[in-house]
Amino acid sequence: MKAKAIPVKDEELNSTIMERATERRISVGEGGNLVFVESDHGTTTFDLDDLFRASAEGLGKGNFGNCYKAMMEVGPAVVVKRLRDLKPLNKDELTRQITAIADQKHSNLLPLLAYFYSQEEKLFVYKFAANGNLRKRNEGANPLPVARALNYLHGNTRSHTAVPHGNLKSTNVLIDEILVADYGLTSLIALRGECRRTRRPRGGPVRVAGPSGRGEVFDEEMAVQRGANRGMLKLMQIGLKCCDRTPEMGEVEEEIKAGG
């Protein structure tokens, strides 16, 4: 990966992109750099002054930090993700993880444009997707590009460090070109809370058909609906897959191609 480091002066910069409402100011710290990840088609570069002078629009809070849309005076809009709750990694370890993320090159992965590291702030800069994410869409998107992106992440041998997604959900699937975002960030963020196991049943009482009631029709209206049998069969197939082994992403991709 080729990177261009832009030195930053040791002075306080206007942090409009982070806390515009409160006009909070941050100290970049000595030696802070905004590092641009070179792409095959070239990347329009800007410096921290341009970024912090940009008008900002909050896009929401996620598991990994807050996101902002930055609209600079010159150049396209970008998304700045301000990471929080990072693992206690030293600079070399963090750089190694970020390099692994930046090395993931696929047409269905949202590329990392640039990143910034200092003692106080860790920022990731991405391309802005104007059409939003899958959660805001009424219709489901084609799942094949998502499967292709995950299959690539699971099988990519270019990077010496594994980069699983770890947090795939509808808000991380951008529908401009079907791009998967936020991959690899779980390797940087410290786990919060503890995993607990319980045998206590959840939810309310459930009616279970006993051996003598297997032929009972619980909903007569459903029995006369067109396609009811087909829907029940599909539901049973989904349940069986949930109980089966977890397939490899390559298998998932092939099944989607086959229309399964």
Protein backbone atom coordinates (compact mmCIF):
# COMPACT_ATOMS: atom_id res chain seq x y z
CA MET A 1 0.00 0.00 0.00
CA LYS A 2 1.35 3.41 -0.94
CA ALA A 3 0.55 6.19 1.45
CA LYS A 4 1.16 9.90 1.46
CA ALA A 5 1.72 11.44 4.88
CA ILE A 6 0.93 15.13 5.30
CA PRO A 7 2.64 16.64 8.39
CA VAL A 8 0.47 18.65 10.74
CA LYS A 9 1.62 21.57 12.83
CA ASP A 10 1.57 21.14 16.58
CA GLU A 11 -1.30 23.50 17.23
CA GLU A 12 -4.99 23.46 18.04
CA LEU A 13 -7.19 23.10 14.98
CA ASN A 14 -10.81 23.97 14.52
CA SER A 15 -12.66 20.69 15.07
CA THR A 16 -15.89 21.62 13.29
CA ILE A 17 -16.13 18.13 11.86
CA MET A 18 -16.14 16.58 15.34
CA GLU A 19 -18.08 18.87 17.63
CA ARG A 20 -19.49 21.65 15.51
CA ALA A 21 -22.42 22.38 17.80
CA THR A 22 -20.25 23.06 20.85
CA GLU A 23 -17.29 24.55 18.92
CA ARG A 24 -14.99 22.18 20.79
CA ARG A 25 -11.31 22.36 19.83
CA ILE A 26 -8.84 19.49 19.83
CA SER A 27 -5.08 19.30 19.95
CA VAL A 28 -3.64 17.22 17.15
CA GLY A 29 -0.40 16.63 18.99
CA GLU A 30 3.16 16.57 17.77
CA GLY A 31 3.78 14.42 14.74
CA GLY A 32 0.13 13.91 13.82
CA ASN A 33 -0.40 12.96 10.16
CA LEU A 34 -3.33 12.63 7.82
CA VAL A 35 -2.43 9.59 5.70
CA PHE A 36 -4.02 9.13 2.29
CA VAL A 37 -4.42 5.62 0.91
CA GLU A 38 -3.56 5.64 -2.79
CA SER A 39 -6.15 4.03 -5.06
CA ASP A 40 -5.74 2.67 -8.56
CA HIS A 41 -7.55 5.69 -9.98
CA GLY A 42 -5.93 8.29 -7.76
CA THR A 43 -7.39 10.09 -4.78
CA THR A 44 -8.12 13.78 -4.39
CA THR A 45 -6.08 14.81 -1.37
CA PHE A 46 -6.81 17.46 1.21
CA ASP A 47 -5.25 18.32 4.51
CA LEU A 48 -6.53 18.55 8.06
CA ASP A 49 -7.15 22.27 7.73
CA ASP A 50 -9.52 21.61 4.80
CA LEU A 51 -11.23 18.84 6.74
CA PHE A 52 -11.70 20.78 9.95
CA ARG A 53 -12.91 23.89 8.08
CA ALA A 54 -15.55 21.85 6.26
CA SER A 55 -19.20 22.25 7.09
CA ALA A 56 -20.38 19.16 8.93
CA GLU A 57 -23.59 17.19 9.12
CA GLY A 58 -24.05 14.48 11.72
CA LEU A 59 -24.99 11.11 10.20
CA GLY A 60 -25.52 9.25 13.45
CA LYS A 61 -23.81 7.12 16.06
CA GLY A 62 -22.72 3.54 15.49
CA ASN A 63 -20.99 0.76 17.39
CA PHE A 64 -17.60 2.15 16.47
CA GLY A 65 -18.12 5.88 16.85
CA ASN A 66 -19.84 8.93 15.39
CA CYS A 67 -20.10 9.63 11.65
CA TYR A 68 -20.14 13.04 9.97
CA LYS A 69 -20.57 14.19 6.40
CA ALA A 70 -17.85 16.75 5.63
CA MET A 71 -18.48 19.20 2.79
CA MET A 72 -15.26 20.98 1.94
CA GLU A 73 -14.92 24.14 -0.13
CA VAL A 74 -13.16 22.20 -2.91
CA GLY A 75 -13.62 18.55 -3.77
CA PRO A 76 -16.28 15.92 -3.11
CA ALA A 77 -18.04 15.33 0.19
CA VAL A 78 -16.54 12.67 2.43
CA VAL A 79 -17.59 10.76 5.54
CA VAL A 80 -15.48 11.07 8.68
CA LYS A 81 -15.82 8.31 11.26
CA ARG A 82 -14.51 9.31 14.67
CA LEU A 83 -13.53 6.04 16.33
CA ARG A 84 -14.05 5.47 20.05
CA ASP A 85 -13.28 2.74 22.62
CA LEU A 86 -10.23 1.51 20.75
CA LYS A 87 -8.14 -1.35 22.05
CA PRO A 88 -4.93 -0.29 23.86
CA LEU A 89 -2.79 -0.73 20.75
CA ASN A 90 0.50 1.06 20.26
CA LYS A 91 1.03 3.10 17.11
CA ASP A 92 2.78 0.27 15.23
CA GLU A 93 0.02 -2.23 16.07
CA LEU A 94 -2.70 0.23 15.08
CA THR A 95 -0.90 1.07 11.83
CA ARG A 96 -0.63 -2.65 11.03
CA GLN A 97 -4.37 -3.14 11.51
CA ILE A 98 -5.25 -0.06 9.46
CA THR A 99 -2.90 -1.17 6.68
CA ALA A 100 -4.68 -4.53 6.56
CA ILE A 101 -8.04 -2.76 6.21
CA ALA A 102 -6.69 -0.46 3.49
CA ASP A 103 -5.31 -3.45 1.56
CA GLN A 104 -8.81 -4.82 0.97
CA LYS A 105 -9.55 -3.87 -2.65
CA HIS A 106 -12.88 -5.05 -4.05
CA SER A 107 -15.56 -3.40 -6.15
CA ASN A 108 -18.18 -4.08 -3.45
CA LEU A 109 -16.16 -2.76 -0.49
CA LEU A 110 -16.24 0.90 0.50
CA PRO A 111 -12.56 1.90 0.25
CA LEU A 112 -10.73 3.70 3.03
CA LEU A 113 -9.60 7.07 1.59
CA ALA A 114 -7.51 8.35 4.49
CA TYR A 115 -6.94 8.01 8.20
CA PHE A 116 -5.62 10.16 11.00
CA TYR A 117 -3.96 9.03 14.22
CA SER A 118 -3.02 11.03 17.30
CA GLN A 119 -3.12 10.38 21.01
CA GLU A 120 -6.48 12.13 21.25
CA GLU A 121 -8.19 11.34 17.94
CA LYS A 122 -8.47 8.43 15.53
CA LEU A 123 -10.35 9.27 12.33
CA PHE A 124 -11.24 7.24 9.24
CA VAL A 125 -12.23 9.07 6.05
CA TYR A 126 -14.44 7.39 3.44
CA LYS A 127 -16.21 8.28 0.21
CA PHE A 128 -19.71 9.67 0.80
CA ALA A 129 -22.55 7.50 -0.54
CA ALA A 130 -25.35 9.88 -1.50
CA ASN A 131 -28.07 7.23 -1.80
CA GLY A 132 -27.84 6.07 1.80
CA ASN A 133 -27.90 2.54 3.14
CA LEU A 134 -30.07 -0.54 2.91
CA ARG A 135 -31.96 0.24 6.11
CA LYS A 136 -33.53 3.31 4.49
CA ARG A 137 -34.65 1.41 1.41
CA ASN A 138 -38.12 -0.05 1.12
CA GLU A 139 -37.09 -2.91 -1.14
CA GLY A 140 -34.33 -5.41 -0.50
CA ALA A 141 -31.11 -5.02 -2.45
CA ASN A 142 -29.44 -7.72 -4.51
CA PRO A 143 -27.64 -9.91 -1.94
CA LEU A 144 -25.02 -11.19 -4.40
CA PRO A 145 -22.65 -8.16 -4.20
CA VAL A 146 -22.72 -8.40 -0.40
CA ALA A 147 -21.86 -12.10 -0.54
CA ARG A 148 -19.05 -11.36 -3.00
CA ALA A 149 -17.60 -8.72 -0.67
CA LEU A 150 -17.70 -11.04 2.36
CA ASN A 151 -16.26 -13.94 0.38
CA TYR A 152 -13.38 -11.69 -0.63
CA LEU A 153 -12.75 -10.60 2.97
CA HIS A 154 -12.74 -14.21 4.16
CA GLY A 155 -10.42 -15.45 1.42
CA ASN A 156 -8.14 -12.51 0.66
CA THR A 157 -4.51 -13.59 0.89
CA ARG A 158 -2.97 -10.21 0.08
CA SER A 159 -3.03 -9.16 3.72
CA HIS A 160 -1.11 -10.99 6.46
CA THR A 161 -3.82 -9.95 8.94
CA ALA A 162 -7.34 -11.36 8.73
CA VAL A 163 -10.01 -8.71 8.18
CA PRO A 164 -13.42 -10.18 9.01
CA HIS A 165 -16.37 -7.84 8.91
CA GLY A 166 -17.71 -8.69 12.35
CA ASN A 167 -20.66 -6.29 12.29
CA LEU A 168 -22.66 -6.76 9.09
CA LYS A 169 -26.10 -5.14 9.18
CA SER A 170 -28.38 -3.13 6.90
CA THR A 171 -26.82 0.23 7.83
CA ASN A 172 -23.42 -1.06 6.66
CA VAL A 173 -24.64 -1.87 3.14
CA LEU A 174 -24.56 1.27 0.98
CA ILE A 175 -26.82 1.20 -2.06
CA ASP A 176 -24.98 3.58 -4.40
CA GLU A 177 -23.13 0.64 -5.94
CA ILE A 178 -23.89 -1.97 -3.24
CA LEU A 179 -20.85 -1.29 -1.08
CA VAL A 180 -20.16 -3.00 2.25
CA ALA A 181 -18.80 -0.59 4.87
CA ASP A 182 -17.24 -0.79 8.36
CA TYR A 183 -15.33 -4.00 7.67
CA GLY A 184 -12.34 -4.75 9.90
CA LEU A 185 -13.24 -2.26 12.63
CA THR A 186 -13.96 -5.00 15.18
CA SER A 187 -10.21 -5.67 15.31
CA LEU A 188 -9.65 -2.12 16.59
CA ILE A 189 -12.48 -1.68 19.08
CA ALA A 190 -12.35 -2.95 22.66
CA LEU A 191 -15.18 -5.28 23.65
CA ARG A 192 -17.76 -3.70 25.93
CA GLY A 193 -19.63 -5.75 28.51
CA GLU A 194 -19.51 -9.49 29.04
CA CYS A 195 -21.09 -12.41 27.26
CA ARG A 196 -23.50 -14.15 29.58
CA ARG A 197 -25.17 -17.51 29.26
CA THR A 198 -28.54 -18.26 30.72
CA ARG A 199 -30.95 -21.16 30.68
CA ARG A 200 -33.89 -19.00 31.63
CA PRO A 201 -36.54 -18.95 28.90
CA ARG A 202 -37.18 -15.60 27.23
CA GLY A 203 -40.48 -14.18 26.07
CA GLY A 204 -44.01 -15.17 26.93
CA PRO A 205 -45.72 -18.56 27.01
CA VAL A 206 -45.60 -20.55 23.78
CA ARG A 207 -48.17 -23.12 22.67
CA VAL A 208 -46.49 -26.35 21.58
CA ALA A 209 -48.38 -29.04 19.69
CA GLY A 210 -48.06 -32.40 21.41
CA PRO A 211 -47.86 -35.78 19.63
CA SER A 212 -51.65 -36.06 19.53
CA GLY A 213 -52.06 -32.60 18.00
CA ARG A 214 -49.67 -32.66 15.07
CA GLY A 215 -52.49 -32.65 12.55
CA GLU A 216 -54.36 -29.80 14.16
CA VAL A 217 -54.95 -26.64 12.12
CA PHE A 218 -54.20 -23.66 14.34
CA ASP A 219 -55.18 -20.96 11.83
CA GLU A 220 -57.99 -21.91 9.44
CA GLU A 221 -57.64 -18.67 7.46
CA MET A 222 -54.00 -19.43 6.73
CA ALA A 223 -54.92 -22.90 5.51
CA VAL A 224 -56.98 -21.51 2.61
CA GLN A 225 -54.49 -18.84 1.55
CA ARG A 226 -52.73 -19.30 -1.76
CA GLY A 227 -49.11 -20.28 -1.39
CA ALA A 228 -49.45 -21.12 2.30
CA ASN A 229 -47.85 -24.53 1.86
CA ARG A 230 -45.02 -23.04 -0.14
CA GLY A 231 -44.42 -20.43 2.55
CA MET A 232 -44.41 -23.03 5.31
CA LEU A 233 -41.94 -25.15 3.36
CA LYS A 234 -39.66 -22.14 2.90
CA LEU A 235 -39.85 -21.37 6.61
CA MET A 236 -38.94 -24.97 7.44
CA GLN A 237 -35.95 -24.81 5.07
CA ILE A 238 -34.73 -21.63 6.75
CA GLY A 239 -35.06 -23.29 10.16
CA LEU A 240 -33.06 -26.30 9.00
CA LYS A 241 -30.29 -24.04 7.68
CA CYS A 242 -30.14 -22.25 11.03
CA CYS A 243 -29.50 -25.62 12.71
CA ASP A 244 -26.97 -26.77 10.11
CA ARG A 245 -23.25 -25.96 9.99
CA THR A 246 -22.23 -22.42 9.08
CA PRO A 247 -21.41 -22.43 5.34
CA GLU A 248 -18.32 -20.85 3.83
CA MET A 249 -18.97 -17.52 2.11
CA GLY A 250 -18.02 -19.07 -1.22
CA GLU A 251 -20.85 -21.57 -0.78
CA VAL A 252 -23.25 -18.74 0.09
CA GLU A 253 -22.23 -16.82 -3.03
CA GLU A 254 -22.78 -19.86 -5.26
CA GLU A 255 -26.18 -20.56 -3.66
CA ILE A 256 -27.30 -16.98 -4.29
CA LYS A 257 -26.14 -17.22 -7.91
CA ALA A 258 -28.22 -20.37 -8.27
CA GLY A 259 -31.24 -18.59 -6.84
CA GLY A 260 -31.34 -20.64 -3.64
